[in-house]
Amino acid sequence: MNVQRTEAQIMQNLKDAGCTDEFIQAFMADLEQEKVSDGMKLLQKHRRFLLDNTHAWEKKIDCLDYLIYQMSNN
């Protein structure tokens, strides 16, 4: 099922995903020029960026969890 989304919905989705105004402009330009594969590359790049940041935060949380564990067992 192919659901058509309005330009405003796409832009809001990108904002909600933490995309910058410059990113949104580039993505929308790709769509307007029917360069969907280029737009998809931008989305994948931003997804990787978010995932890398998530992993970095997870490592920090793991460090705190370890410290809490160590301190509670002393």
PDB file of N, CA and C in Angstrom:
ATOM      1  N   MET A   1       0.842  -1.182   0.000  1.00  0.00           N
ATOM      2  CA  MET A   1       0.000   0.000   0.000  1.00  0.00           C
ATOM      3  C   MET A   1       0.886   1.243   0.000  1.00  0.00           C
ATOM      4  N   ASN A   2       0.738   2.088  -0.972  1.00  0.00           N
ATOM      5  CA  ASN A   2       1.541   3.299  -1.110  1.00  0.00           C
ATOM      6  C   ASN A   2       0.736   4.485  -0.601  1.00  0.00           C
ATOM      7  N   VAL A   3       1.179   5.049   0.510  1.00  0.00           N
ATOM      8  CA  VAL A   3       0.479   6.168   1.113  1.00  0.00           C
ATOM      9  C   VAL A   3       1.191   7.462   0.728  1.00  0.00           C
ATOM     10  N   GLN A   4       0.456   8.372   0.111  1.00  0.00           N
ATOM     11  CA  GLN A   4       1.024   9.664  -0.256  1.00  0.00           C
ATOM     12  C   GLN A   4       1.013  10.581   0.955  1.00  0.00           C
ATOM     13  N   ARG A   5       2.112  11.241   1.183  1.00  0.00           N
ATOM     14  CA  ARG A   5       2.210  12.159   2.309  1.00  0.00           C
ATOM     15  C   ARG A   5       2.357  13.568   1.770  1.00  0.00           C
ATOM     16  N   THR A   6       1.783  14.506   2.471  1.00  0.00           N
ATOM     17  CA  THR A   6       1.907  15.890   2.045  1.00  0.00           C
ATOM     18  C   THR A   6       3.295  16.412   2.405  1.00  0.00           C
ATOM     19  N   GLU A   7       3.675  17.471   1.745  1.00  0.00           N
ATOM     20  CA  GLU A   7       4.974  18.091   2.002  1.00  0.00           C
ATOM     21  C   GLU A   7       5.084  18.512   3.467  1.00  0.00           C
ATOM     22  N   ALA A   8       4.020  19.068   4.015  1.00  0.00           N
ATOM     23  CA  ALA A   8       4.036  19.501   5.416  1.00  0.00           C
ATOM     24  C   ALA A   8       4.228  18.311   6.352  1.00  0.00           C
ATOM     25  N   GLN A   9       3.598  17.177   6.045  1.00  0.00           N
ATOM     26  CA  GLN A   9       3.749  15.992   6.885  1.00  0.00           C
ATOM     27  C   GLN A   9       5.179  15.471   6.838  1.00  0.00           C
ATOM     28  N   ILE A  10       5.761  15.465   5.660  1.00  0.00           N
ATOM     29  CA  ILE A  10       7.142  15.002   5.508  1.00  0.00           C
ATOM     30  C   ILE A  10       8.086  15.911   6.282  1.00  0.00           C
ATOM     31  N   MET A  11       7.893  17.214   6.140  1.00  0.00           N
ATOM     32  CA  MET A  11       8.762  18.162   6.831  1.00  0.00           C
ATOM     33  C   MET A  11       8.616  18.027   8.340  1.00  0.00           C
ATOM     34  N   GLN A  12       7.402  17.827   8.831  1.00  0.00           N
ATOM     35  CA  GLN A  12       7.189  17.662  10.261  1.00  0.00           C
ATOM     36  C   GLN A  12       7.854  16.378  10.755  1.00  0.00           C
ATOM     37  N   ASN A  13       7.747  15.317   9.966  1.00  0.00           N
ATOM     38  CA  ASN A  13       8.373  14.052  10.332  1.00  0.00           C
ATOM     39  C   ASN A  13       9.884  14.216  10.436  1.00  0.00           C
ATOM     40  N   LEU A  14      10.474  14.930   9.495  1.00  0.00           N
ATOM     41  CA  LEU A  14      11.915  15.163   9.516  1.00  0.00           C
ATOM     42  C   LEU A  14      12.317  16.012  10.721  1.00  0.00           C
ATOM     43  N   LYS A  15      11.515  17.033  11.044  1.00  0.00           N
ATOM     44  CA  LYS A  15      11.789  17.847  12.238  1.00  0.00           C
ATOM     45  C   LYS A  15      11.723  16.984  13.489  1.00  0.00           C
ATOM     46  N   ASP A  16      10.695  16.141  13.565  1.00  0.00           N
ATOM     47  CA  ASP A  16      10.536  15.266  14.723  1.00  0.00           C
ATOM     48  C   ASP A  16      11.706  14.294  14.856  1.00  0.00           C
ATOM     49  N   ALA A  17      12.332  13.958  13.732  1.00  0.00           N
ATOM     50  CA  ALA A  17      13.482  13.053  13.730  1.00  0.00           C
ATOM     51  C   ALA A  17      14.784  13.786  14.023  1.00  0.00           C
ATOM     52  N   GLY A  18      14.694  15.088  14.285  1.00  0.00           N
ATOM     53  CA  GLY A  18      15.883  15.852  14.651  1.00  0.00           C
ATOM     54  C   GLY A  18      16.690  16.367  13.474  1.00  0.00           C
ATOM     55  N   CYS A  19      16.105  16.385  12.310  1.00  0.00           N
ATOM     56  CA  CYS A  19      16.814  16.878  11.123  1.00  0.00           C
ATOM     57  C   CYS A  19      16.914  18.402  11.160  1.00  0.00           C
ATOM     58  N   THR A  20      18.034  18.906  10.680  1.00  0.00           N
ATOM     59  CA  THR A  20      18.236  20.354  10.617  1.00  0.00           C
ATOM     60  C   THR A  20      17.432  20.938   9.466  1.00  0.00           C
ATOM     61  N   ASP A  21      17.279  22.258   9.484  1.00  0.00           N
ATOM     62  CA  ASP A  21      16.576  22.935   8.389  1.00  0.00           C
ATOM     63  C   ASP A  21      17.300  22.702   7.061  1.00  0.00           C
ATOM     64  N   GLU A  22      18.633  22.697   7.105  1.00  0.00           N
ATOM     65  CA  GLU A  22      19.407  22.469   5.888  1.00  0.00           C
ATOM     66  C   GLU A  22      19.159  21.060   5.342  1.00  0.00           C
ATOM     67  N   PHE A  23      19.112  20.089   6.240  1.00  0.00           N
ATOM     68  CA  PHE A  23      18.835  18.712   5.836  1.00  0.00           C
ATOM     69  C   PHE A  23      17.466  18.630   5.186  1.00  0.00           C
ATOM     70  N   ILE A  24      16.476  19.245   5.829  1.00  0.00           N
ATOM     71  CA  ILE A  24      15.109  19.198   5.310  1.00  0.00           C
ATOM     72  C   ILE A  24      15.042  19.835   3.932  1.00  0.00           C
ATOM     73  N   GLN A  25      15.706  20.958   3.762  1.00  0.00           N
ATOM     74  CA  GLN A  25      15.715  21.629   2.450  1.00  0.00           C
ATOM     75  C   GLN A  25      16.341  20.733   1.387  1.00  0.00           C
ATOM     76  N   ALA A  26      17.448  20.091   1.725  1.00  0.00           N
ATOM     77  CA  ALA A  26      18.118  19.212   0.762  1.00  0.00           C
ATOM     78  C   ALA A  26      17.236  18.019   0.423  1.00  0.00           C
ATOM     79  N   PHE A  27      16.603  17.436   1.436  1.00  0.00           N
ATOM     80  CA  PHE A  27      15.738  16.284   1.210  1.00  0.00           C
ATOM     81  C   PHE A  27      14.544  16.667   0.337  1.00  0.00           C
ATOM     82  N   MET A  28      13.913  17.790   0.665  1.00  0.00           N
ATOM     83  CA  MET A  28      12.755  18.217  -0.108  1.00  0.00           C
ATOM     84  C   MET A  28      13.147  18.556  -1.556  1.00  0.00           C
ATOM     85  N   ALA A  29      14.336  19.120  -1.734  1.00  0.00           N
ATOM     86  CA  ALA A  29      14.813  19.413  -3.093  1.00  0.00           C
ATOM     87  C   ALA A  29      14.995  18.115  -3.869  1.00  0.00           C
ATOM     88  N   ASP A  30      15.530  17.082  -3.213  1.00  0.00           N
ATOM     89  CA  ASP A  30      15.671  15.785  -3.875  1.00  0.00           C
ATOM     90  C   ASP A  30      14.316  15.246  -4.302  1.00  0.00           C
ATOM     91  N   LEU A  31      13.323  15.368  -3.438  1.00  0.00           N
ATOM     92  CA  LEU A  31      11.985  14.876  -3.788  1.00  0.00           C
ATOM     93  C   LEU A  31      11.388  15.661  -4.949  1.00  0.00           C
ATOM     94  N   GLU A  32      11.541  16.983  -4.905  1.00  0.00           N
ATOM     95  CA  GLU A  32      11.001  17.825  -5.980  1.00  0.00           C
ATOM     96  C   GLU A  32      11.647  17.508  -7.320  1.00  0.00           C
ATOM     97  N   GLN A  33      12.921  17.139  -7.286  1.00  0.00           N
ATOM     98  CA  GLN A  33      13.652  16.814  -8.509  1.00  0.00           C
ATOM     99  C   GLN A  33      13.547  15.327  -8.851  1.00  0.00           C
ATOM    100  N   GLU A  34      12.688  14.626  -8.122  1.00  0.00           N
ATOM    101  CA  GLU A  34      12.460  13.195  -8.310  1.00  0.00           C
ATOM    102  C   GLU A  34      13.739  12.373  -8.151  1.00  0.00           C
ATOM    103  N   LYS A  35      14.597  12.826  -7.247  1.00  0.00           N
ATOM    104  CA  LYS A  35      15.828  12.104  -6.904  1.00  0.00           C
ATOM    105  C   LYS A  35      15.584  11.330  -5.607  1.00  0.00           C
ATOM    106  N   VAL A  36      14.641  10.414  -5.670  1.00  0.00           N
ATOM    107  CA  VAL A  36      14.225   9.676  -4.476  1.00  0.00           C
ATOM    108  C   VAL A  36      15.391   8.891  -3.882  1.00  0.00           C
ATOM    109  N   SER A  37      16.226   8.289  -4.720  1.00  0.00           N
ATOM    110  CA  SER A  37      17.348   7.502  -4.189  1.00  0.00           C
ATOM    111  C   SER A  37      18.332   8.396  -3.434  1.00  0.00           C
ATOM    112  N   ASP A  38      18.526   9.630  -3.885  1.00  0.00           N
ATOM    113  CA  ASP A  38      19.390  10.563  -3.156  1.00  0.00           C
ATOM    114  C   ASP A  38      18.764  10.934  -1.816  1.00  0.00           C
ATOM    115  N   GLY A  39      17.455  11.137  -1.822  1.00  0.00           N
ATOM    116  CA  GLY A  39      16.750  11.433  -0.580  1.00  0.00           C
ATOM    117  C   GLY A  39      16.848  10.277   0.398  1.00  0.00           C
ATOM    118  N   MET A  40      16.739   9.059  -0.107  1.00  0.00           N
ATOM    119  CA  MET A  40      16.852   7.878   0.747  1.00  0.00           C
ATOM    120  C   MET A  40      18.244   7.785   1.361  1.00  0.00           C
ATOM    121  N   LYS A  41      19.267   8.157   0.594  1.00  0.00           N
ATOM    122  CA  LYS A  41      20.637   8.156   1.121  1.00  0.00           C
ATOM    123  C   LYS A  41      20.773   9.147   2.278  1.00  0.00           C
ATOM    124  N   LEU A  42      20.127  10.298   2.129  1.00  0.00           N
ATOM    125  CA  LEU A  42      20.155  11.282   3.215  1.00  0.00           C
ATOM    126  C   LEU A  42      19.479  10.725   4.465  1.00  0.00           C
ATOM    127  N   LEU A  43      18.337  10.069   4.282  1.00  0.00           N
ATOM    128  CA  LEU A  43      17.623   9.492   5.420  1.00  0.00           C
ATOM    129  C   LEU A  43      18.460   8.424   6.108  1.00  0.00           C
ATOM    130  N   GLN A  44      19.105   7.568   5.325  1.00  0.00           N
ATOM    131  CA  GLN A  44      19.943   6.514   5.905  1.00  0.00           C
ATOM    132  C   GLN A  44      21.127   7.103   6.660  1.00  0.00           C
ATOM    133  N   LYS A  45      21.707   8.156   6.113  1.00  0.00           N
ATOM    134  CA  LYS A  45      22.843   8.808   6.776  1.00  0.00           C
ATOM    135  C   LYS A  45      22.406   9.393   8.116  1.00  0.00           C
ATOM    136  N   HIS A  46      21.251  10.047   8.161  1.00  0.00           N
ATOM    137  CA  HIS A  46      20.765  10.622   9.414  1.00  0.00           C
ATOM    138  C   HIS A  46      20.410   9.520  10.411  1.00  0.00           C
ATOM    139  N   ARG A  47      19.847   8.426   9.918  1.00  0.00           N
ATOM    140  CA  ARG A  47      19.515   7.299  10.788  1.00  0.00           C
ATOM    141  C   ARG A  47      20.778   6.736  11.440  1.00  0.00           C
ATOM    142  N   ARG A  48      21.838   6.575  10.636  1.00  0.00           N
ATOM    143  CA  ARG A  48      23.104   6.084  11.189  1.00  0.00           C
ATOM    144  C   ARG A  48      23.645   7.040  12.244  1.00  0.00           C
ATOM    145  N   PHE A  49      23.553   8.334  11.978  1.00  0.00           N
ATOM    146  CA  PHE A  49      23.993   9.348  12.932  1.00  0.00           C
ATOM    147  C   PHE A  49      23.245   9.201  14.252  1.00  0.00           C
ATOM    148  N   LEU A  50      21.923   9.069  14.185  1.00  0.00           N
ATOM    149  CA  LEU A  50      21.122   8.917  15.400  1.00  0.00           C
ATOM    150  C   LEU A  50      21.460   7.624  16.132  1.00  0.00           C
ATOM    151  N   LEU A  51      21.647   6.549  15.378  1.00  0.00           N
ATOM    152  CA  LEU A  51      21.954   5.266  15.994  1.00  0.00           C
ATOM    153  C   LEU A  51      23.326   5.297  16.666  1.00  0.00           C
ATOM    154  N   ASP A  52      24.304   5.919  16.018  1.00  0.00           N
ATOM    155  CA  ASP A  52      25.633   6.051  16.629  1.00  0.00           C
ATOM    156  C   ASP A  52      25.561   6.833  17.936  1.00  0.00           C
ATOM    157  N   ASN A  53      24.769   7.907  17.939  1.00  0.00           N
ATOM    158  CA  ASN A  53      24.606   8.689  19.165  1.00  0.00           C
ATOM    159  C   ASN A  53      23.913   7.873  20.242  1.00  0.00           C
ATOM    160  N   THR A  54      22.935   7.082  19.862  1.00  0.00           N
ATOM    161  CA  THR A  54      22.235   6.224  20.820  1.00  0.00           C
ATOM    162  C   THR A  54      23.209   5.245  21.457  1.00  0.00           C
ATOM    163  N   HIS A  55      24.065   4.652  20.651  1.00  0.00           N
ATOM    164  CA  HIS A  55      25.050   3.708  21.180  1.00  0.00           C
ATOM    165  C   HIS A  55      26.020   4.400  22.135  1.00  0.00           C
ATOM    166  N   ALA A  56      26.398   5.604  21.816  1.00  0.00           N
ATOM    167  CA  ALA A  56      27.301   6.348  22.698  1.00  0.00           C
ATOM    168  C   ALA A  56      26.629   6.611  24.045  1.00  0.00           C
ATOM    169  N   TRP A  57      25.361   6.982  24.037  1.00  0.00           N
ATOM    170  CA  TRP A  57      24.638   7.211  25.292  1.00  0.00           C
ATOM    171  C   TRP A  57      24.464   5.906  26.053  1.00  0.00           C
ATOM    172  N   GLU A  58      24.229   4.809  25.349  1.00  0.00           N
ATOM    173  CA  GLU A  58      24.091   3.510  26.020  1.00  0.00           C
ATOM    174  C   GLU A  58      25.377   3.135  26.762  1.00  0.00           C
ATOM    175  N   LYS A  59      26.524   3.422  26.156  1.00  0.00           N
ATOM    176  CA  LYS A  59      27.798   3.132  26.815  1.00  0.00           C
ATOM    177  C   LYS A  59      27.955   3.952  28.092  1.00  0.00           C
ATOM    178  N   LYS A  60      27.532   5.204  28.042  1.00  0.00           N
ATOM    179  CA  LYS A  60      27.610   6.053  29.227  1.00  0.00           C
ATOM    180  C   LYS A  60      26.695   5.531  30.328  1.00  0.00           C
ATOM    181  N   ILE A  61      25.507   5.095  29.948  1.00  0.00           N
ATOM    182  CA  ILE A  61      24.569   4.527  30.917  1.00  0.00           C
ATOM    183  C   ILE A  61      25.144   3.252  31.512  1.00  0.00           C
ATOM    184  N   ASP A  62      25.765   2.422  30.680  1.00  0.00           N
ATOM    185  CA  ASP A  62      26.403   1.198  31.180  1.00  0.00           C
ATOM    186  C   ASP A  62      27.473   1.516  32.220  1.00  0.00           C
ATOM    187  N   CYS A  63      28.240   2.573  31.992  1.00  0.00           N
ATOM    188  CA  CYS A  63      29.269   2.971  32.956  1.00  0.00           C
ATOM    189  C   CYS A  63      28.636   3.362  34.289  1.00  0.00           C
ATOM    190  N   LEU A  64      27.553   4.127  34.223  1.00  0.00           N
ATOM    191  CA  LEU A  64      26.870   4.504  35.458  1.00  0.00           C
ATOM    192  C   LEU A  64      26.253   3.297  36.142  1.00  0.00           C
ATOM    193  N   ASP A  65      25.659   2.401  35.379  1.00  0.00           N
ATOM    194  CA  ASP A  65      25.076   1.187  35.959  1.00  0.00           C
ATOM    195  C   ASP A  65      26.139   0.363  36.671  1.00  0.00           C
ATOM    196  N   TYR A  66      27.318   0.270  36.076  1.00  0.00           N
ATOM    197  CA  TYR A  66      28.404  -0.485  36.691  1.00  0.00           C
ATOM    198  C   TYR A  66      28.837   0.174  37.999  1.00  0.00           C
ATOM    199  N   LEU A  67      28.954   1.491  37.976  1.00  0.00           N
ATOM    200  CA  LEU A  67      29.349   2.205  39.188  1.00  0.00           C
ATOM    201  C   LEU A  67      28.292   2.038  40.289  1.00  0.00           C
ATOM    202  N   ILE A  68      27.030   2.127  39.925  1.00  0.00           N
ATOM    203  CA  ILE A  68      25.950   1.921  40.893  1.00  0.00           C
ATOM    204  C   ILE A  68      26.019   0.502  41.455  1.00  0.00           C
ATOM    205  N   TYR A  69      26.240  -0.476  40.588  1.00  0.00           N
ATOM    206  CA  TYR A  69      26.367  -1.868  41.026  1.00  0.00           C
ATOM    207  C   TYR A  69      27.530  -2.032  42.009  1.00  0.00           C
ATOM    208  N   GLN A  70      28.666  -1.473  41.640  1.00  0.00           N
ATOM    209  CA  GLN A  70      29.860  -1.582  42.496  1.00  0.00           C
ATOM    210  C   GLN A  70      29.631  -0.929  43.857  1.00  0.00           C
ATOM    211  N   MET A  71      29.037   0.234  43.848  1.00  0.00           N
ATOM    212  CA  MET A  71      28.828   0.964  45.101  1.00  0.00           C
ATOM    213  C   MET A  71      27.771   0.297  45.979  1.00  0.00           C
ATOM    214  N   SER A  72      26.797  -0.320  45.384  1.00  0.00           N
ATOM    215  CA  SER A  72      25.743  -0.963  46.178  1.00  0.00           C
ATOM    216  C   SER A  72      26.213  -2.308  46.749  1.00  0.00           C
ATOM    217  N   ASN A  73      27.293  -2.867  46.206  1.00  0.00           N
ATOM    218  CA  ASN A  73      27.817  -4.134  46.718  1.00  0.00           C
ATOM    219  C   ASN A  73      28.953  -3.952  47.704  1.00  0.00           C
ATOM    220  N   ASN A  74      29.252  -2.730  48.058  1.00  0.00           N
ATOM    221  CA  ASN A  74      30.318  -2.460  49.050  1.00  0.00           C
ATOM    222  C   ASN A  74      29.734  -2.181  50.395  1.00  0.00           C
TER     223      ASN A  74
END
